[in-house]
Amino acid sequence: MPANILTTDDLREFKVELLEEIKEILHFSKNTLNPDGKRFLKSSEVQELLSLSPASLQNLRNARELPYSKVNGTIFYDWNDIIQLIISNKKEAKPKRKSL
């Protein structure tokens, strides 16, 4: 059986490829699942998560600010859409004034 000789360049290339794959996996898992491991949440879960009343959640749907899917009368929200809603409503902090 012939021996394969690995060079440091081979190892560096392998390292880069491996790190890219790990980053891709982490990016996918962070962007598709909430901390409970679920991608889609029911209305009651979103209400609890965002401290919203049923009417406030309905208003977000009516204003088309929060996309949803309806299956057999049950409304589902994509975790990524919820995160996007939070990000889109982010307010920047005022810079602190320098004290004299």
N, C-alpha and C. Protein backbone atom coordinates (compact mmCIF):
# COMPACT_ATOMS: atom_id res chain seq x y z
N MET A 1 0.85 -1.18 0.00
CA MET A 1 0.00 0.00 0.00
C MET A 1 0.89 1.24 0.00
N PRO A 2 0.76 2.10 -0.99
CA PRO A 2 1.63 3.27 -1.07
C PRO A 2 1.25 4.30 -0.01
N ALA A 3 2.26 4.96 0.52
CA ALA A 3 2.05 5.98 1.54
C ALA A 3 1.80 7.34 0.88
N ASN A 4 0.86 8.08 1.42
CA ASN A 4 0.61 9.45 0.97
C ASN A 4 1.32 10.40 1.91
N ILE A 5 2.06 11.30 1.36
CA ILE A 5 2.79 12.26 2.18
C ILE A 5 1.99 13.57 2.18
N LEU A 6 1.67 14.02 3.38
CA LEU A 6 0.93 15.27 3.53
C LEU A 6 1.90 16.40 3.81
N THR A 7 1.70 17.49 3.13
CA THR A 7 2.54 18.66 3.36
C THR A 7 1.78 19.64 4.25
N THR A 8 2.47 20.63 4.75
CA THR A 8 1.80 21.65 5.56
C THR A 8 0.77 22.41 4.73
N ASP A 9 1.05 22.57 3.44
CA ASP A 9 0.07 23.23 2.57
C ASP A 9 -1.21 22.40 2.45
N ASP A 10 -1.06 21.08 2.38
CA ASP A 10 -2.23 20.20 2.34
C ASP A 10 -3.06 20.35 3.61
N LEU A 11 -2.38 20.42 4.74
CA LEU A 11 -3.08 20.56 6.02
C LEU A 11 -3.77 21.91 6.13
N ARG A 12 -3.11 22.96 5.66
CA ARG A 12 -3.72 24.30 5.68
C ARG A 12 -4.99 24.32 4.81
N GLU A 13 -4.89 23.73 3.64
CA GLU A 13 -6.04 23.68 2.74
C GLU A 13 -7.19 22.90 3.38
N PHE A 14 -6.88 21.79 4.01
CA PHE A 14 -7.90 21.00 4.70
C PHE A 14 -8.53 21.81 5.82
N LYS A 15 -7.71 22.53 6.57
CA LYS A 15 -8.20 23.35 7.67
C LYS A 15 -9.18 24.41 7.16
N VAL A 16 -8.82 25.09 6.08
CA VAL A 16 -9.69 26.13 5.52
C VAL A 16 -11.02 25.52 5.08
N GLU A 17 -10.98 24.40 4.39
CA GLU A 17 -12.20 23.75 3.92
C GLU A 17 -13.07 23.32 5.10
N LEU A 18 -12.45 22.76 6.12
CA LEU A 18 -13.18 22.29 7.29
C LEU A 18 -13.83 23.46 8.02
N LEU A 19 -13.10 24.54 8.21
CA LEU A 19 -13.65 25.72 8.89
C LEU A 19 -14.81 26.32 8.11
N GLU A 20 -14.72 26.35 6.79
CA GLU A 20 -15.81 26.87 5.97
C GLU A 20 -17.07 26.02 6.14
N GLU A 21 -16.90 24.71 6.17
CA GLU A 21 -18.05 23.83 6.36
C GLU A 21 -18.67 24.02 7.74
N ILE A 22 -17.84 24.17 8.76
CA ILE A 22 -18.34 24.38 10.12
C ILE A 22 -19.10 25.70 10.20
N LYS A 23 -18.56 26.76 9.59
CA LYS A 23 -19.24 28.06 9.58
C LYS A 23 -20.59 27.96 8.91
N GLU A 24 -20.65 27.23 7.81
CA GLU A 24 -21.91 27.07 7.08
C GLU A 24 -22.94 26.34 7.92
N ILE A 25 -22.52 25.31 8.62
CA ILE A 25 -23.43 24.55 9.49
C ILE A 25 -23.93 25.43 10.62
N LEU A 26 -23.03 26.18 11.26
CA LEU A 26 -23.42 27.05 12.36
C LEU A 26 -24.36 28.15 11.88
N HIS A 27 -24.07 28.72 10.73
CA HIS A 27 -24.92 29.77 10.18
C HIS A 27 -26.32 29.23 9.91
N PHE A 28 -26.39 28.05 9.33
CA PHE A 28 -27.68 27.44 9.03
C PHE A 28 -28.47 27.18 10.30
N SER A 29 -27.80 26.60 11.31
CA SER A 29 -28.52 26.25 12.53
C SER A 29 -28.96 27.49 13.30
N LYS A 30 -28.16 28.54 13.30
CA LYS A 30 -28.53 29.77 14.00
C LYS A 30 -29.70 30.46 13.32
N ASN A 31 -29.77 30.38 12.02
CA ASN A 31 -30.79 31.11 11.28
C ASN A 31 -32.06 30.32 11.04
N THR A 32 -32.14 29.10 11.48
CA THR A 32 -33.35 28.34 11.19
C THR A 32 -34.06 27.84 12.43
N LEU A 33 -33.41 27.83 13.56
CA LEU A 33 -34.04 27.27 14.75
C LEU A 33 -33.99 28.24 15.92
N ASN A 34 -35.04 28.25 16.71
CA ASN A 34 -35.02 29.04 17.92
C ASN A 34 -34.34 28.21 19.02
N PRO A 35 -34.16 28.78 20.21
CA PRO A 35 -33.46 28.02 21.26
C PRO A 35 -34.11 26.69 21.62
N ASP A 36 -35.42 26.55 21.37
CA ASP A 36 -36.09 25.28 21.65
C ASP A 36 -35.94 24.27 20.52
N GLY A 37 -35.25 24.67 19.46
CA GLY A 37 -35.03 23.77 18.34
C GLY A 37 -36.16 23.74 17.33
N LYS A 38 -37.11 24.66 17.44
CA LYS A 38 -38.25 24.69 16.53
C LYS A 38 -38.08 25.83 15.53
N ARG A 39 -38.44 25.60 14.30
CA ARG A 39 -38.35 26.66 13.29
C ARG A 39 -39.65 27.45 13.22
N PHE A 40 -40.78 26.80 13.42
CA PHE A 40 -42.07 27.47 13.32
C PHE A 40 -42.74 27.50 14.69
N LEU A 41 -43.34 28.65 15.00
CA LEU A 41 -44.00 28.84 16.29
C LEU A 41 -45.47 29.12 16.07
N LYS A 42 -46.29 28.69 17.02
CA LYS A 42 -47.72 28.98 17.00
C LYS A 42 -47.95 30.37 17.59
N SER A 43 -49.15 30.90 17.39
CA SER A 43 -49.48 32.24 17.87
C SER A 43 -49.22 32.39 19.37
N SER A 44 -49.64 31.42 20.15
CA SER A 44 -49.47 31.52 21.61
C SER A 44 -47.99 31.60 21.99
N GLU A 45 -47.14 30.89 21.26
CA GLU A 45 -45.70 30.93 21.54
C GLU A 45 -45.11 32.29 21.19
N VAL A 46 -45.56 32.87 20.08
CA VAL A 46 -45.08 34.19 19.66
C VAL A 46 -45.56 35.25 20.65
N GLN A 47 -46.81 35.13 21.09
CA GLN A 47 -47.34 36.07 22.07
C GLN A 47 -46.51 36.06 23.35
N GLU A 48 -46.17 34.88 23.80
CA GLU A 48 -45.36 34.76 25.02
C GLU A 48 -43.95 35.29 24.78
N LEU A 49 -43.37 34.94 23.66
CA LEU A 49 -42.00 35.35 23.34
C LEU A 49 -41.87 36.86 23.27
N LEU A 50 -42.83 37.52 22.63
CA LEU A 50 -42.75 38.97 22.41
C LEU A 50 -43.60 39.77 23.40
N SER A 51 -44.21 39.09 24.35
CA SER A 51 -45.10 39.74 25.33
C SER A 51 -46.20 40.54 24.63
N LEU A 52 -46.89 39.89 23.72
CA LEU A 52 -47.95 40.53 22.94
C LEU A 52 -49.31 39.95 23.32
N SER A 53 -50.32 40.78 23.21
CA SER A 53 -51.69 40.30 23.36
C SER A 53 -52.11 39.67 22.03
N PRO A 54 -53.16 38.86 22.04
CA PRO A 54 -53.64 38.31 20.77
C PRO A 54 -53.99 39.41 19.76
N ALA A 55 -54.55 40.52 20.24
CA ALA A 55 -54.92 41.62 19.33
C ALA A 55 -53.68 42.28 18.73
N SER A 56 -52.63 42.44 19.52
CA SER A 56 -51.40 43.05 19.00
C SER A 56 -50.77 42.17 17.93
N LEU A 57 -50.80 40.86 18.16
CA LEU A 57 -50.26 39.94 17.16
C LEU A 57 -51.11 39.99 15.89
N GLN A 58 -52.42 40.07 16.06
CA GLN A 58 -53.33 40.20 14.91
C GLN A 58 -53.02 41.48 14.15
N ASN A 59 -52.75 42.57 14.86
CA ASN A 59 -52.41 43.84 14.20
C ASN A 59 -51.13 43.72 13.37
N LEU A 60 -50.14 42.99 13.88
CA LEU A 60 -48.91 42.78 13.11
C LEU A 60 -49.19 42.00 11.83
N ARG A 61 -50.09 41.01 11.93
CA ARG A 61 -50.47 40.25 10.74
C ARG A 61 -51.21 41.14 9.75
N ASN A 62 -52.18 41.89 10.25
CA ASN A 62 -52.99 42.75 9.38
C ASN A 62 -52.14 43.80 8.68
N ALA A 63 -51.14 44.32 9.38
CA ALA A 63 -50.26 45.35 8.81
C ALA A 63 -49.18 44.72 7.92
N ARG A 64 -49.20 43.41 7.84
CA ARG A 64 -48.22 42.66 7.05
C ARG A 64 -46.78 42.91 7.52
N GLU A 65 -46.65 43.15 8.82
CA GLU A 65 -45.32 43.33 9.41
C GLU A 65 -44.71 42.00 9.82
N LEU A 66 -45.57 41.00 10.02
CA LEU A 66 -45.09 39.67 10.43
C LEU A 66 -45.75 38.62 9.54
N PRO A 67 -44.99 38.04 8.61
CA PRO A 67 -45.56 37.00 7.74
C PRO A 67 -45.98 35.77 8.55
N TYR A 68 -46.95 35.06 8.02
CA TYR A 68 -47.43 33.85 8.69
C TYR A 68 -47.96 32.86 7.67
N SER A 69 -48.14 31.63 8.14
CA SER A 69 -48.76 30.58 7.33
C SER A 69 -49.93 30.04 8.13
N LYS A 70 -50.97 29.65 7.43
CA LYS A 70 -52.14 29.09 8.10
C LYS A 70 -52.39 27.70 7.55
N VAL A 71 -52.39 26.72 8.44
CA VAL A 71 -52.61 25.33 8.06
C VAL A 71 -53.74 24.77 8.93
N ASN A 72 -54.83 24.39 8.29
CA ASN A 72 -55.99 23.84 9.01
C ASN A 72 -56.42 24.72 10.17
N GLY A 73 -56.40 26.03 9.96
CA GLY A 73 -56.85 26.97 10.98
C GLY A 73 -55.81 27.36 12.01
N THR A 74 -54.65 26.72 12.00
CA THR A 74 -53.58 27.06 12.93
C THR A 74 -52.58 27.96 12.24
N ILE A 75 -52.25 29.07 12.90
CA ILE A 75 -51.31 30.03 12.32
C ILE A 75 -49.91 29.73 12.84
N PHE A 76 -48.96 29.72 11.91
CA PHE A 76 -47.56 29.47 12.23
C PHE A 76 -46.71 30.65 11.78
N TYR A 77 -45.68 30.93 12.57
CA TYR A 77 -44.75 32.02 12.27
C TYR A 77 -43.35 31.44 12.16
N ASP A 78 -42.63 31.88 11.16
CA ASP A 78 -41.25 31.44 10.97
C ASP A 78 -40.34 32.18 11.95
N TRP A 79 -39.50 31.43 12.64
CA TRP A 79 -38.57 32.01 13.61
C TRP A 79 -37.76 33.14 12.99
N ASN A 80 -37.28 32.96 11.77
CA ASN A 80 -36.47 33.98 11.10
C ASN A 80 -37.25 35.27 10.88
N ASP A 81 -38.54 35.16 10.59
CA ASP A 81 -39.37 36.36 10.41
C ASP A 81 -39.55 37.11 11.72
N ILE A 82 -39.65 36.38 12.81
CA ILE A 82 -39.77 37.02 14.13
C ILE A 82 -38.50 37.79 14.45
N ILE A 83 -37.36 37.16 14.21
CA ILE A 83 -36.07 37.83 14.45
C ILE A 83 -35.95 39.06 13.56
N GLN A 84 -36.36 38.94 12.30
CA GLN A 84 -36.29 40.07 11.37
C GLN A 84 -37.18 41.22 11.83
N LEU A 85 -38.35 40.91 12.37
CA LEU A 85 -39.24 41.94 12.90
C LEU A 85 -38.55 42.70 14.03
N ILE A 86 -37.91 41.98 14.92
CA ILE A 86 -37.21 42.61 16.04
C ILE A 86 -36.08 43.50 15.52
N ILE A 87 -35.31 42.99 14.58
CA ILE A 87 -34.18 43.75 14.03
C ILE A 87 -34.68 44.99 13.30
N SER A 88 -35.76 44.86 12.55
CA SER A 88 -36.26 46.00 11.77
C SER A 88 -36.81 47.11 12.66
N ASN A 89 -37.16 46.79 13.88
CA ASN A 89 -37.67 47.80 14.81
C ASN A 89 -36.62 48.29 15.80
N LYS A 90 -35.39 47.96 15.53
CA LYS A 90 -34.29 48.35 16.41
C LYS A 90 -34.09 49.87 16.37
N LYS A 91 -33.95 50.45 17.53
CA LYS A 91 -33.68 51.88 17.66
C LYS A 91 -32.25 52.04 18.16
N GLU A 92 -31.52 52.91 17.50
CA GLU A 92 -30.13 53.13 17.90
C GLU A 92 -30.09 53.95 19.18
N ALA A 93 -29.13 53.64 20.03
CA ALA A 93 -28.96 54.37 21.28
C ALA A 93 -28.32 55.72 21.00
N LYS A 94 -28.68 56.70 21.80
CA LYS A 94 -28.05 58.01 21.67
C LYS A 94 -26.64 57.93 22.25
N PRO A 95 -25.69 58.59 21.61
CA PRO A 95 -24.34 58.57 22.17
C PRO A 95 -24.31 59.35 23.48
N LYS A 96 -23.50 58.88 24.40
CA LYS A 96 -23.37 59.55 25.69
C LYS A 96 -22.70 60.90 25.50
N ARG A 97 -23.18 61.88 26.26
CA ARG A 97 -22.53 63.18 26.22
C ARG A 97 -21.29 63.14 27.08
N LYS A 98 -20.28 63.80 26.60
CA LYS A 98 -19.04 63.85 27.36
C LYS A 98 -19.23 64.80 28.53
N SER A 99 -18.83 64.33 29.69
CA SER A 99 -18.93 65.21 30.86
C SER A 99 -17.69 66.09 30.94
N LEU A 100 -17.91 67.31 31.40
CA LEU A 100 -16.80 68.27 31.50
C LEU A 100 -16.13 68.22 32.82
